[in-house]
PDB file of N, CA and C in Angstrom:
ATOM      1  N   MET A   1     233.491 102.479 116.521  1.00  0.00           N
ATOM      2  CA  MET A   1     234.582 103.248 117.060  1.00  0.00           C
ATOM      3  C   MET A   1     234.348 103.562 118.530  1.00  0.00           C
ATOM      4  N   ALA A   2     233.103 103.800 118.893  1.00  0.00           N
ATOM      5  CA  ALA A   2     232.801 104.109 120.288  1.00  0.00           C
ATOM      6  C   ALA A   2     233.129 102.921 121.183  1.00  0.00           C
ATOM      7  N   LEU A   3     232.856 101.713 120.697  1.00  0.00           N
ATOM      8  CA  LEU A   3     233.157 100.530 121.492  1.00  0.00           C
ATOM      9  C   LEU A   3     234.665 100.362 121.657  1.00  0.00           C
ATOM     10  N   GLY A   4     235.416 100.659 120.619  1.00  0.00           N
ATOM     11  CA  GLY A   4     236.882 100.626 120.708  1.00  0.00           C
ATOM     12  C   GLY A   4     237.397 101.683 121.661  1.00  0.00           C
ATOM     13  N   ALA A   5     236.795 102.862 121.605  1.00  0.00           N
ATOM     14  CA  ALA A   5     237.191 103.935 122.528  1.00  0.00           C
ATOM     15  C   ALA A   5     236.896 103.519 123.963  1.00  0.00           C
ATOM     16  N   TYR A   6     235.739 102.882 124.176  1.00  0.00           N
ATOM     17  CA  TYR A   6     235.406 102.437 125.525  1.00  0.00           C
ATOM     18  C   TYR A   6     236.437 101.424 126.027  1.00  0.00           C
ATOM     19  N   LYS A   7     236.838 100.478 125.169  1.00  0.00           N
ATOM     20  CA  LYS A   7     237.839  99.481 125.567  1.00  0.00           C
ATOM     21  C   LYS A   7     239.154 100.141 125.954  1.00  0.00           C
ATOM     22  N   ALA A   8     239.573 101.153 125.193  1.00  0.00           N
ATOM     23  CA  ALA A   8     240.811 101.861 125.506  1.00  0.00           C
ATOM     24  C   ALA A   8     240.686 102.630 126.823  1.00  0.00           C
ATOM     25  N   ILE A   9     239.548 103.253 127.024  1.00  0.00           N
ATOM     26  CA  ILE A   9     239.298 104.008 128.259  1.00  0.00           C
ATOM     27  C   ILE A   9     239.270 103.051 129.449  1.00  0.00           C
ATOM     28  N   GLU A  10     238.628 101.910 129.263  1.00  0.00           N
ATOM     29  CA  GLU A  10     238.570 100.899 130.320  1.00  0.00           C
ATOM     30  C   GLU A  10     239.967 100.385 130.656  1.00  0.00           C
ATOM     31  N   ALA A  11     240.775 100.106 129.617  1.00  0.00           N
ATOM     32  CA  ALA A  11     242.144  99.621 129.825  1.00  0.00           C
ATOM     33  C   ALA A  11     242.998 100.649 130.558  1.00  0.00           C
ATOM     34  N   ALA A  12     242.692 101.926 130.342  1.00  0.00           N
ATOM     35  CA  ALA A  12     243.434 102.999 131.012  1.00  0.00           C
ATOM     36  C   ALA A  12     242.906 103.259 132.424  1.00  0.00           C
ATOM     37  N   GLY A  13     241.873 102.525 132.822  1.00  0.00           N
ATOM     38  CA  GLY A  13     241.322 102.690 134.159  1.00  0.00           C
ATOM     39  C   GLY A  13     240.543 103.980 134.351  1.00  0.00           C
ATOM     40  N   LYS A  14     239.970 104.499 133.264  1.00  0.00           N
ATOM     41  CA  LYS A  14     239.267 105.783 133.347  1.00  0.00           C
ATOM     42  C   LYS A  14     237.794 105.690 132.956  1.00  0.00           C
ATOM     43  N   LYS A  15     237.219 104.485 133.018  1.00  0.00           N
ATOM     44  CA  LYS A  15     235.844 104.323 132.545  1.00  0.00           C
ATOM     45  C   LYS A  15     234.839 105.100 133.373  1.00  0.00           C
ATOM     46  N   ASP A  16     235.163 105.438 134.601  1.00  0.00           N
ATOM     47  CA  ASP A  16     234.253 106.227 135.427  1.00  0.00           C
ATOM     48  C   ASP A  16     234.445 107.725 135.252  1.00  0.00           C
ATOM     49  N   LYS A  17     235.431 108.111 134.430  1.00  0.00           N
ATOM     50  CA  LYS A  17     235.743 109.525 134.253  1.00  0.00           C
ATOM     51  C   LYS A  17     235.409 110.065 132.867  1.00  0.00           C
ATOM     52  N   ILE A  18     235.166 109.163 131.907  1.00  0.00           N
ATOM     53  CA  ILE A  18     234.940 109.594 130.527  1.00  0.00           C
ATOM     54  C   ILE A  18     233.650 108.971 130.011  1.00  0.00           C
ATOM     55  N   ALA A  19     232.762 109.791 129.515  1.00  0.00           N
ATOM     56  CA  ALA A  19     231.501 109.318 128.939  1.00  0.00           C
ATOM     57  C   ALA A  19     231.693 109.076 127.445  1.00  0.00           C
ATOM     58  N   VAL A  20     231.161 107.971 126.956  1.00  0.00           N
ATOM     59  CA  VAL A  20     231.292 107.622 125.540  1.00  0.00           C
ATOM     60  C   VAL A  20     229.900 107.500 124.915  1.00  0.00           C
ATOM     61  N   ILE A  21     229.733 108.162 123.790  1.00  0.00           N
ATOM     62  CA  ILE A  21     228.499 108.092 123.010  1.00  0.00           C
ATOM     63  C   ILE A  21     228.874 107.719 121.580  1.00  0.00           C
ATOM     64  N   GLY A  22     228.159 106.783 120.999  1.00  0.00           N
ATOM     65  CA  GLY A  22     228.447 106.340 119.639  1.00  0.00           C
ATOM     66  C   GLY A  22     227.356 106.733 118.669  1.00  0.00           C
ATOM     67  N   ILE A  23     227.598 106.386 117.410  1.00  0.00           N
ATOM     68  CA  ILE A  23     226.653 106.680 116.334  1.00  0.00           C
ATOM     69  C   ILE A  23     226.267 105.359 115.656  1.00  0.00           C
ATOM     70  N   ASP A  24     225.063 105.258 115.203  1.00  0.00           N
ATOM     71  CA  ASP A  24     224.511 104.189 114.371  1.00  0.00           C
ATOM     72  C   ASP A  24     223.666 103.154 115.100  1.00  0.00           C
ATOM     73  N   ALA A  25     223.707 103.092 116.400  1.00  0.00           N
ATOM     74  CA  ALA A  25     222.833 102.179 117.157  1.00  0.00           C
ATOM     75  C   ALA A  25     222.913 100.735 116.668  1.00  0.00           C
ATOM     76  N   ILE A  26     224.130 100.268 116.377  1.00  0.00           N
ATOM     77  CA  ILE A  26     224.298  98.862 116.001  1.00  0.00           C
ATOM     78  C   ILE A  26     223.989  97.987 117.213  1.00  0.00           C
ATOM     79  N   SER A  27     223.750  96.707 116.986  1.00  0.00           N
ATOM     80  CA  SER A  27     223.324  95.831 118.083  1.00  0.00           C
ATOM     81  C   SER A  27     224.336  95.787 119.225  1.00  0.00           C
ATOM     82  N   ASP A  28     225.643  95.776 118.910  1.00  0.00           N
ATOM     83  CA  ASP A  28     226.651  95.769 119.971  1.00  0.00           C
ATOM     84  C   ASP A  28     226.619  97.064 120.779  1.00  0.00           C
ATOM     85  N   ALA A  29     226.320  98.169 120.128  1.00  0.00           N
ATOM     86  CA  ALA A  29     226.220  99.451 120.832  1.00  0.00           C
ATOM     87  C   ALA A  29     224.984  99.474 121.730  1.00  0.00           C
ATOM     88  N   LEU A  30     223.869  98.942 121.235  1.00  0.00           N
ATOM     89  CA  LEU A  30     222.668  98.875 122.058  1.00  0.00           C
ATOM     90  C   LEU A  30     222.921  98.029 123.302  1.00  0.00           C
ATOM     91  N   LYS A  31     223.620  96.923 123.122  1.00  0.00           N
ATOM     92  CA  LYS A  31     223.975  96.055 124.254  1.00  0.00           C
ATOM     93  C   LYS A  31     224.864  96.815 125.239  1.00  0.00           C
ATOM     94  N   ALA A  32     225.831  97.562 124.719  1.00  0.00           N
ATOM     95  CA  ALA A  32     226.738  98.327 125.581  1.00  0.00           C
ATOM     96  C   ALA A  32     226.006  99.427 126.340  1.00  0.00           C
ATOM     97  N   VAL A  33     225.008 100.042 125.721  1.00  0.00           N
ATOM     98  CA  VAL A  33     224.204 101.050 126.416  1.00  0.00           C
ATOM     99  C   VAL A  33     223.427 100.380 127.545  1.00  0.00           C
ATOM    100  N   LYS A  34     222.844  99.243 127.230  1.00  0.00           N
ATOM    101  CA  LYS A  34     222.062  98.509 128.228  1.00  0.00           C
ATOM    102  C   LYS A  34     222.935  98.103 129.412  1.00  0.00           C
ATOM    103  N   GLU A  35     224.186  97.752 129.132  1.00  0.00           N
ATOM    104  CA  GLU A  35     225.123  97.325 130.176  1.00  0.00           C
ATOM    105  C   GLU A  35     225.775  98.506 130.895  1.00  0.00           C
ATOM    106  N   GLY A  36     225.539  99.718 130.401  1.00  0.00           N
ATOM    107  CA  GLY A  36     226.125 100.899 131.026  1.00  0.00           C
ATOM    108  C   GLY A  36     227.537 101.219 130.585  1.00  0.00           C
ATOM    109  N   LYS A  37     228.012 100.553 129.547  1.00  0.00           N
ATOM    110  CA  LYS A  37     229.357 100.834 129.043  1.00  0.00           C
ATOM    111  C   LYS A  37     229.367 102.109 128.201  1.00  0.00           C
ATOM    112  N   LEU A  38     228.386 102.256 127.318  1.00  0.00           N
ATOM    113  CA  LEU A  38     228.215 103.494 126.557  1.00  0.00           C
ATOM    114  C   LEU A  38     227.100 104.290 127.213  1.00  0.00           C
ATOM    115  N   CYS A  39     227.246 105.594 127.242  1.00  0.00           N
ATOM    116  CA  CYS A  39     226.181 106.451 127.783  1.00  0.00           C
ATOM    117  C   CYS A  39     224.996 106.484 126.843  1.00  0.00           C
ATOM    118  N   ALA A  40     225.290 106.429 125.552  1.00  0.00           N
ATOM    119  CA  ALA A  40     224.236 106.527 124.550  1.00  0.00           C
ATOM    120  C   ALA A  40     224.788 106.143 123.185  1.00  0.00           C
ATOM    121  N   THR A  41     223.867 105.937 122.273  1.00  0.00           N
ATOM    122  CA  THR A  41     224.193 105.781 120.865  1.00  0.00           C
ATOM    123  C   THR A  41     223.121 106.545 120.097  1.00  0.00           C
ATOM    124  N   VAL A  42     223.420 106.927 118.893  1.00  0.00           N
ATOM    125  CA  VAL A  42     222.488 107.726 118.102  1.00  0.00           C
ATOM    126  C   VAL A  42     221.968 106.889 116.946  1.00  0.00           C
ATOM    127  N   PHE A  43     220.649 106.783 116.856  1.00  0.00           N
ATOM    128  CA  PHE A  43     219.997 106.057 115.760  1.00  0.00           C
ATOM    129  C   PHE A  43     219.816 107.003 114.593  1.00  0.00           C
ATOM    130  N   GLN A  44     220.389 106.624 113.465  1.00  0.00           N
ATOM    131  CA  GLN A  44     220.190 107.376 112.230  1.00  0.00           C
ATOM    132  C   GLN A  44     219.179 106.594 111.398  1.00  0.00           C
ATOM    133  N   ASP A  45     218.076 107.182 111.111  1.00  0.00           N
ATOM    134  CA  ASP A  45     216.962 106.518 110.452  1.00  0.00           C
ATOM    135  C   ASP A  45     217.237 106.355 108.960  1.00  0.00           C
ATOM    136  N   ALA A  46     217.896 105.262 108.593  1.00  0.00           N
ATOM    137  CA  ALA A  46     218.245 105.027 107.187  1.00  0.00           C
ATOM    138  C   ALA A  46     217.001 104.906 106.322  1.00  0.00           C
ATOM    139  N   ARG A  47     215.977 104.246 106.833  1.00  0.00           N
ATOM    140  CA  ARG A  47     214.731 104.095 106.072  1.00  0.00           C
ATOM    141  C   ARG A  47     214.105 105.469 105.829  1.00  0.00           C
ATOM    142  N   GLY A  48     214.075 106.302 106.874  1.00  0.00           N
ATOM    143  CA  GLY A  48     213.528 107.652 106.736  1.00  0.00           C
ATOM    144  C   GLY A  48     214.358 108.512 105.795  1.00  0.00           C
ATOM    145  N   GLN A  49     215.684 108.349 105.853  1.00  0.00           N
ATOM    146  CA  GLN A  49     216.560 109.108 104.965  1.00  0.00           C
ATOM    147  C   GLN A  49     216.335 108.697 103.518  1.00  0.00           C
ATOM    148  N   GLY A  50     216.220 107.393 103.280  1.00  0.00           N
ATOM    149  CA  GLY A  50     215.983 106.910 101.919  1.00  0.00           C
ATOM    150  C   GLY A  50     214.644 107.379 101.377  1.00  0.00           C
ATOM    151  N   ALA A  51     213.617 107.314 102.230  1.00  0.00           N
ATOM    152  CA  ALA A  51     212.282 107.750 101.810  1.00  0.00           C
ATOM    153  C   ALA A  51     212.278 109.237 101.469  1.00  0.00           C
ATOM    154  N   MET A  52     212.951 110.030 102.292  1.00  0.00           N
ATOM    155  CA  MET A  52     212.989 111.465 102.014  1.00  0.00           C
ATOM    156  C   MET A  52     213.780 111.743 100.734  1.00  0.00           C
ATOM    157  N   ALA A  53     214.872 111.018 100.531  1.00  0.00           N
ATOM    158  CA  ALA A  53     215.669 111.211  99.321  1.00  0.00           C
ATOM    159  C   ALA A  53     214.836 110.927  98.076  1.00  0.00           C
ATOM    160  N   LEU A  54     214.068 109.846  98.118  1.00  0.00           N
ATOM    161  CA  LEU A  54     213.201 109.528  96.974  1.00  0.00           C
ATOM    162  C   LEU A  54     212.118 110.581  96.783  1.00  0.00           C
ATOM    163  N   ASP A  55     211.531 111.038  97.883  1.00  0.00           N
ATOM    164  CA  ASP A  55     210.499 112.069  97.817  1.00  0.00           C
ATOM    165  C   ASP A  55     211.047 113.346  97.181  1.00  0.00           C
ATOM    166  N   VAL A  56     212.233 113.748  97.611  1.00  0.00           N
ATOM    167  CA  VAL A  56     212.854 114.957  97.062  1.00  0.00           C
ATOM    168  C   VAL A  56     213.186 114.757  95.586  1.00  0.00           C
ATOM    169  N   ALA A  57     213.713 113.576  95.234  1.00  0.00           N
ATOM    170  CA  ALA A  57     214.058 113.302  93.832  1.00  0.00           C
ATOM    171  C   ALA A  57     212.822 113.360  92.933  1.00  0.00           C
ATOM    172  N   VAL A  58     211.729 112.764  93.390  1.00  0.00           N
ATOM    173  CA  VAL A  58     210.486 112.774  92.601  1.00  0.00           C
ATOM    174  C   VAL A  58     209.992 114.202  92.424  1.00  0.00           C
ATOM    175  N   LYS A  59     210.014 114.981  93.492  1.00  0.00           N
ATOM    176  CA  LYS A  59     209.569 116.379  93.400  1.00  0.00           C
ATOM    177  C   LYS A  59     210.429 117.155  92.407  1.00  0.00           C
ATOM    178  N   LEU A  60     211.741 116.947  92.455  1.00  0.00           N
ATOM    179  CA  LEU A  60     212.632 117.632  91.517  1.00  0.00           C
ATOM    180  C   LEU A  60     212.326 117.221  90.070  1.00  0.00           C
ATOM    181  N   LEU A  61     212.116 115.929  89.858  1.00  0.00           N
ATOM    182  CA  LEU A  61     211.795 115.444  88.510  1.00  0.00           C
ATOM    183  C   LEU A  61     210.471 116.001  88.005  1.00  0.00           C
ATOM    184  N   GLN A  62     209.567 116.295  88.909  1.00  0.00           N
ATOM    185  CA  GLN A  62     208.272 116.873  88.540  1.00  0.00           C
ATOM    186  C   GLN A  62     208.327 118.387  88.446  1.00  0.00           C
ATOM    187  N   GLY A  63     209.529 118.943  88.610  1.00  0.00           N
ATOM    188  CA  GLY A  63     209.710 120.381  88.468  1.00  0.00           C
ATOM    189  C   GLY A  63     209.330 121.186  89.701  1.00  0.00           C
ATOM    190  N   GLU A  64     209.066 120.535  90.813  1.00  0.00           N
ATOM    191  CA  GLU A  64     208.714 121.252  92.038  1.00  0.00           C
ATOM    192  C   GLU A  64     209.973 121.781  92.710  1.00  0.00           C
ATOM    193  N   LYS A  65     209.796 122.830  93.459  1.00  0.00           N
ATOM    194  CA  LYS A  65     210.895 123.360  94.249  1.00  0.00           C
ATOM    195  C   LYS A  65     210.963 122.589  95.564  1.00  0.00           C
ATOM    196  N   VAL A  66     212.175 122.350  96.005  1.00  0.00           N
ATOM    197  CA  VAL A  66     212.380 121.672  97.285  1.00  0.00           C
ATOM    198  C   VAL A  66     213.375 122.477  98.125  1.00  0.00           C
ATOM    199  N   LYS A  67     213.302 122.271  99.418  1.00  0.00           N
ATOM    200  CA  LYS A  67     214.260 122.945 100.304  1.00  0.00           C
ATOM    201  C   LYS A  67     215.667 122.453  99.985  1.00  0.00           C
ATOM    202  N   HIS A  68     216.638 123.335 100.128  1.00  0.00           N
ATOM    203  CA  HIS A  68     218.032 122.972  99.879  1.00  0.00           C
ATOM    204  C   HIS A  68     218.513 121.943 100.891  1.00  0.00           C
ATOM    205  N   SER A  69     218.115 122.095 102.148  1.00  0.00           N
ATOM    206  CA  SER A  69     218.513 121.168 103.205  1.00  0.00           C
ATOM    207  C   SER A  69     217.275 120.466 103.747  1.00  0.00           C
ATOM    208  N   ASN A  70     217.377 119.166 103.869  1.00  0.00           N
ATOM    209  CA  ASN A  70     216.281 118.350 104.389  1.00  0.00           C
ATOM    210  C   ASN A  70     216.856 117.442 105.468  1.00  0.00           C
ATOM    211  N   TYR A  71     216.236 117.419 106.616  1.00  0.00           N
ATOM    212  CA  TYR A  71     216.791 116.685 107.748  1.00  0.00           C
ATOM    213  C   TYR A  71     215.833 115.625 108.271  1.00  0.00           C
ATOM    214  N   ILE A  72     216.389 114.492 108.602  1.00  0.00           N
ATOM    215  CA  ILE A  72     215.686 113.445 109.343  1.00  0.00           C
ATOM    216  C   ILE A  72     216.296 113.500 110.743  1.00  0.00           C
ATOM    217  N   PRO A  73     215.504 113.750 111.755  1.00  0.00           N
ATOM    218  CA  PRO A  73     216.074 113.891 113.101  1.00  0.00           C
ATOM    219  C   PRO A  73     216.731 112.597 113.594  1.00  0.00           C
ATOM    220  N   PHE A  74     217.869 112.752 114.232  1.00  0.00           N
ATOM    221  CA  PHE A  74     218.519 111.623 114.882  1.00  0.00           C
ATOM    222  C   PHE A  74     217.797 111.361 116.193  1.00  0.00           C
ATOM    223  N   GLN A  75     217.898 110.140 116.688  1.00  0.00           N
ATOM    224  CA  GLN A  75     217.277 109.792 117.957  1.00  0.00           C
ATOM    225  C   GLN A  75     218.345 109.295 118.919  1.00  0.00           C
ATOM    226  N   LEU A  76     218.466 109.957 120.045  1.00  0.00           N
ATOM    227  CA  LEU A  76     219.428 109.566 121.067  1.00  0.00           C
ATOM    228  C   LEU A  76     218.859 108.390 121.854  1.00  0.00           C
ATOM    229  N   ILE A  77     219.628 107.313 121.934  1.00  0.00           N
ATOM    230  CA  ILE A  77     219.208 106.128 122.678  1.00  0.00           C
ATOM    231  C   ILE A  77     220.037 106.025 123.948  1.00  0.00           C
ATOM    232  N   THR A  78     219.355 106.031 125.058  1.00  0.00           N
ATOM    233  CA  THR A  78     219.986 105.906 126.372  1.00  0.00           C
ATOM    234  C   THR A  78     219.323 104.750 127.118  1.00  0.00           C
ATOM    235  N   LYS A  79     219.786 104.504 128.339  1.00  0.00           N
ATOM    236  CA  LYS A  79     219.146 103.469 129.158  1.00  0.00           C
ATOM    237  C   LYS A  79     217.664 103.775 129.372  1.00  0.00           C
ATOM    238  N   ASP A  80     217.315 105.066 129.360  1.00  0.00           N
ATOM    239  CA  ASP A  80     215.937 105.466 129.619  1.00  0.00           C
ATOM    240  C   ASP A  80     214.963 105.074 128.515  1.00  0.00           C
ATOM    241  N   ASN A  81     215.436 104.979 127.270  1.00  0.00           N
ATOM    242  CA  ASN A  81     214.514 104.678 126.179  1.00  0.00           C
ATOM    243  C   ASN A  81     214.939 103.479 125.325  1.00  0.00           C
ATOM    244  N   ILE A  82     215.925 102.742 125.781  1.00  0.00           N
ATOM    245  CA  ILE A  82     216.465 101.626 124.959  1.00  0.00           C
ATOM    246  C   ILE A  82     215.408 100.560 124.689  1.00  0.00           C
ATOM    247  N   ALA A  83     214.427 100.425 125.560  1.00  0.00           N
ATOM    248  CA  ALA A  83     213.379  99.410 125.337  1.00  0.00           C
ATOM    249  C   ALA A  83     212.584  99.685 124.056  1.00  0.00           C
ATOM    250  N   ASN A  84     212.616 100.935 123.574  1.00  0.00           N
ATOM    251  CA  ASN A  84     211.910 101.290 122.340  1.00  0.00           C
ATOM    252  C   ASN A  84     212.659 100.893 121.083  1.00  0.00           C
ATOM    253  N   PHE A  85     213.899 100.424 121.233  1.00  0.00           N
ATOM    254  CA  PHE A  85     214.763 100.077 120.091  1.00  0.00           C
ATOM    255  C   PHE A  85     215.238  98.642 120.239  1.00  0.00           C
ATOM    256  N   LYS A  86     214.972  97.848 119.252  1.00  0.00           N
ATOM    257  CA  LYS A  86     215.410  96.448 119.285  1.00  0.00           C
ATOM    258  C   LYS A  86     216.173  96.124 118.031  1.00  0.00           C
TER     259      LYS A  86
END
């Protein structure tokens, strides 16, 4: 959606006036960040989310108490750190 928003903003001649940030860090978004079209994209750690979900499920099955809310931090990807994400 962020890439579509960028295209619409570009077509309206406002790409220098509106910053666009996307979610999911897909390969096209990473390319757009590298090219300066998107300001950033957010990496959601699916592997980390799955691992935590399994960990919480196992603890519940074993009768342990778990926190009601469990978070895997998102990672903001910008031109400054894009080399860390491939």
